[in-house]
């Protein structure tokens, strides 16, 4: 079955993060593609959809800032993106980014992203049950799992309480330890 990939950011890149729900805004209800966000759109989503989305975008930016992946240009961005806050506001999920926030199951056959991160253990277990996309996932502990073959990681949801700075570091280390 063909998976219709939809969400925000780059249609191909270094990293895709998968979350269960999209922002509850009319303009995103019929989203059928991966679209880059425009400057200021993250702030708009935060204002319209609440604190949960602000936390998600902040944690995502912190994660990217710490990742320092050799193929990701966070550290090579223009003068406007030296901090995670500036990256969030000026580059995260925009047309020049290398990451995506997707509201569909991973499509590993398309090979559009180097890494796939499923945010939320409950969501990940449902995806693993309902979609036959990986048989080689290994649970490291109660919160993290990795499929080294397909480069899929399950981690806590992108929220300060669930994916703390220490857990962001663990997520970054999982990617860095398995990047060729």
Protein backbone atom coordinates (compact mmCIF):
# COMPACT_ATOMS: atom_id res chain seq x y z
CA UNK A 1 0.00 0.00 0.00
CA UNK A 2 1.36 3.40 -1.02
CA UNK A 3 1.76 5.81 1.87
CA UNK A 4 0.73 9.40 1.17
CA UNK A 5 3.46 11.36 2.94
CA UNK A 6 2.28 14.71 4.25
CA UNK A 7 3.59 17.28 6.66
CA UNK A 8 5.88 20.29 6.95
CA UNK A 9 9.45 20.89 5.82
CA UNK A 10 11.67 19.27 3.22
CA UNK A 11 10.27 16.56 0.93
CA UNK A 12 13.74 14.94 1.06
CA UNK A 13 16.50 15.46 3.56
CA UNK A 14 18.43 14.30 6.56
CA UNK A 15 15.65 13.81 9.09
CA UNK A 16 11.94 13.17 9.33
CA UNK A 17 10.10 13.31 12.65
CA UNK A 18 6.69 11.63 12.77
CA UNK A 19 3.91 12.78 15.07
CA UNK A 20 0.37 11.51 15.32
CA UNK A 21 -1.59 14.74 14.92
CA UNK A 22 -1.30 17.78 12.71
CA UNK A 23 -2.15 21.31 13.91
CA UNK A 24 -5.90 21.73 14.23
CA UNK A 25 -6.16 24.52 11.67
CA UNK A 26 -8.37 24.57 8.58
CA UNK A 27 -5.47 25.29 6.23
CA UNK A 28 -3.77 21.99 7.18
CA UNK A 29 -6.79 19.64 7.22
CA UNK A 30 -6.41 18.68 3.55
CA UNK A 31 -2.63 18.55 3.48
CA UNK A 32 -1.54 15.88 0.97
CA UNK A 33 2.13 16.76 0.45
CA UNK A 34 5.16 17.85 2.39
CA UNK A 35 5.11 21.64 2.30
CA UNK A 36 7.76 24.04 3.56
CA UNK A 37 6.62 26.44 6.24
CA UNK A 38 6.96 30.14 5.61
CA UNK A 39 8.83 32.50 7.92
CA UNK A 40 6.55 33.26 10.87
CA UNK A 41 4.30 30.24 10.30
CA UNK A 42 5.63 28.37 13.36
CA UNK A 43 4.72 31.38 15.49
CA UNK A 44 1.27 31.45 13.86
CA UNK A 45 0.72 27.74 14.65
CA UNK A 46 1.90 28.31 18.23
CA UNK A 47 -0.53 31.20 18.72
CA UNK A 48 -3.48 29.41 17.15
CA UNK A 49 -2.92 25.87 18.47
CA UNK A 50 -1.41 26.40 21.89
CA UNK A 51 1.45 25.49 24.12
CA UNK A 52 1.84 21.90 22.94
CA UNK A 53 2.92 23.02 19.49
CA UNK A 54 5.29 25.62 20.93
CA UNK A 55 6.96 22.86 22.96
CA UNK A 56 7.18 20.55 19.94
CA UNK A 57 8.85 23.17 17.74
CA UNK A 58 11.21 24.23 20.54
CA UNK A 59 12.28 20.65 21.28
CA UNK A 60 12.70 19.96 17.55
CA UNK A 61 14.97 23.02 17.22
CA UNK A 62 17.01 22.05 20.27
CA UNK A 63 17.42 18.57 18.82
CA UNK A 64 18.60 19.93 15.44
CA UNK A 65 21.00 22.35 17.14
CA UNK A 66 22.57 19.53 19.13
CA UNK A 67 22.58 17.01 16.28
CA UNK A 68 25.44 18.52 14.26
CA UNK A 69 24.91 15.85 11.60
CA UNK A 70 27.57 16.09 8.86
CA UNK A 71 24.88 16.44 6.20
CA UNK A 72 22.78 18.98 8.07
CA UNK A 73 23.64 22.63 7.67
CA UNK A 74 22.63 23.96 11.09
CA UNK A 75 26.15 25.11 11.84
CA UNK A 76 26.62 26.40 8.29
CA UNK A 77 23.49 28.54 8.17
CA UNK A 78 23.56 32.25 7.54
CA UNK A 79 24.15 34.72 10.36
CA UNK A 80 20.52 34.48 11.47
CA UNK A 81 20.70 30.93 12.88
CA UNK A 82 23.39 30.62 15.51
CA UNK A 83 21.05 29.53 18.32
CA UNK A 84 18.25 26.96 18.40
CA UNK A 85 15.75 29.80 18.82
CA UNK A 86 17.04 31.55 15.71
CA UNK A 87 17.03 28.25 13.81
CA UNK A 88 13.40 27.66 14.84
CA UNK A 89 12.34 31.11 13.69
CA UNK A 90 14.46 31.40 10.52
CA UNK A 91 14.95 27.90 9.12
CA UNK A 92 13.12 25.02 10.86
CA UNK A 93 10.88 23.19 8.37
CA UNK A 94 11.27 25.95 5.79
CA UNK A 95 12.12 25.45 2.13
CA UNK A 96 15.89 25.54 2.73
CA UNK A 97 15.78 23.09 5.66
CA UNK A 98 16.79 19.44 5.62
CA UNK A 99 14.17 18.14 8.03
CA UNK A 100 10.47 17.37 8.04
CA UNK A 101 7.64 17.02 10.53
CA UNK A 102 5.31 14.37 9.12
CA UNK A 103 1.78 13.36 10.02
CA UNK A 104 1.85 10.07 8.11
CA UNK A 105 3.55 6.72 8.76
CA UNK A 106 7.16 6.34 7.62
CA UNK A 107 7.54 5.34 3.97
CA UNK A 108 10.90 3.58 4.01
CA UNK A 109 10.57 2.50 0.37
CA UNK A 110 10.76 6.11 -0.84
CA UNK A 111 14.11 6.59 0.93
CA UNK A 112 13.44 10.34 1.18
CA UNK A 113 15.17 10.84 4.54
CA UNK A 114 18.36 9.47 6.06
CA UNK A 115 16.76 9.13 9.51
CA UNK A 116 13.19 8.57 10.67
CA UNK A 117 12.26 9.52 14.25
CA UNK A 118 8.87 8.48 15.58
CA UNK A 119 7.94 10.78 18.45
CA UNK A 120 5.95 9.00 21.13
CA UNK A 121 6.11 5.37 22.23
CA UNK A 122 2.34 4.78 22.12
CA UNK A 123 2.12 6.23 18.60
CA UNK A 124 5.15 4.18 17.52
CA UNK A 125 3.69 0.94 18.84
CA UNK A 126 0.45 1.61 16.98
CA UNK A 127 2.37 2.36 13.78
CA UNK A 128 4.43 -0.80 14.18
CA UNK A 129 1.25 -2.81 14.69
CA UNK A 130 -0.78 -1.25 11.87
CA UNK A 131 1.91 -0.69 9.22
CA UNK A 132 4.39 -3.34 8.17
CA UNK A 133 7.44 -1.13 7.69
CA UNK A 134 10.11 -2.61 9.96
CA UNK A 135 10.88 -5.98 11.48
CA UNK A 136 14.28 -5.11 12.84
CA UNK A 137 13.43 -2.61 15.58
CA UNK A 138 15.09 -3.25 18.95
CA UNK A 139 13.89 -1.62 22.15
CA UNK A 140 16.84 -0.15 24.05
CA UNK A 141 14.75 0.72 27.10
CA UNK A 142 11.16 1.75 27.89
CA UNK A 143 11.43 4.95 25.82
CA UNK A 144 13.88 4.40 22.98
CA UNK A 145 14.07 1.87 20.16
CA UNK A 146 16.18 1.69 17.02
CA UNK A 147 16.08 -0.07 13.71
CA UNK A 148 19.69 0.24 12.57
CA UNK A 149 18.96 -1.22 9.12
CA UNK A 150 16.20 1.25 8.18
CA UNK A 151 17.47 4.06 10.42
CA UNK A 152 14.26 4.37 12.40
CA UNK A 153 14.30 5.58 16.00
CA UNK A 154 11.45 5.66 18.48
CA UNK A 155 11.79 8.27 21.21
CA UNK A 156 9.58 10.14 23.68
CA UNK A 157 7.23 12.76 22.27
CA UNK A 158 8.79 16.16 21.53
CA UNK A 159 7.74 17.83 24.78
CA UNK A 160 10.00 19.18 27.55
CA UNK A 161 8.68 16.75 30.13
CA UNK A 162 8.91 13.69 27.89
CA UNK A 163 12.02 14.52 25.83
CA UNK A 164 14.18 16.41 28.31
CA UNK A 165 17.59 17.82 27.41
CA UNK A 166 19.23 14.61 28.68
CA UNK A 167 16.97 12.53 26.43
CA UNK A 168 17.61 14.86 23.48
CA UNK A 169 21.30 14.08 23.99
CA UNK A 170 20.52 10.35 23.99
CA UNK A 171 18.55 10.71 20.74
CA UNK A 172 21.41 12.67 19.14
CA UNK A 173 23.92 10.02 20.26
CA UNK A 174 21.81 7.25 18.71
CA UNK A 175 21.94 9.01 15.36
CA UNK A 176 25.60 10.00 15.59
CA UNK A 177 26.66 6.49 16.64
CA UNK A 178 24.93 5.00 13.58
CA UNK A 179 25.74 7.58 10.90
CA UNK A 180 28.17 6.34 8.32
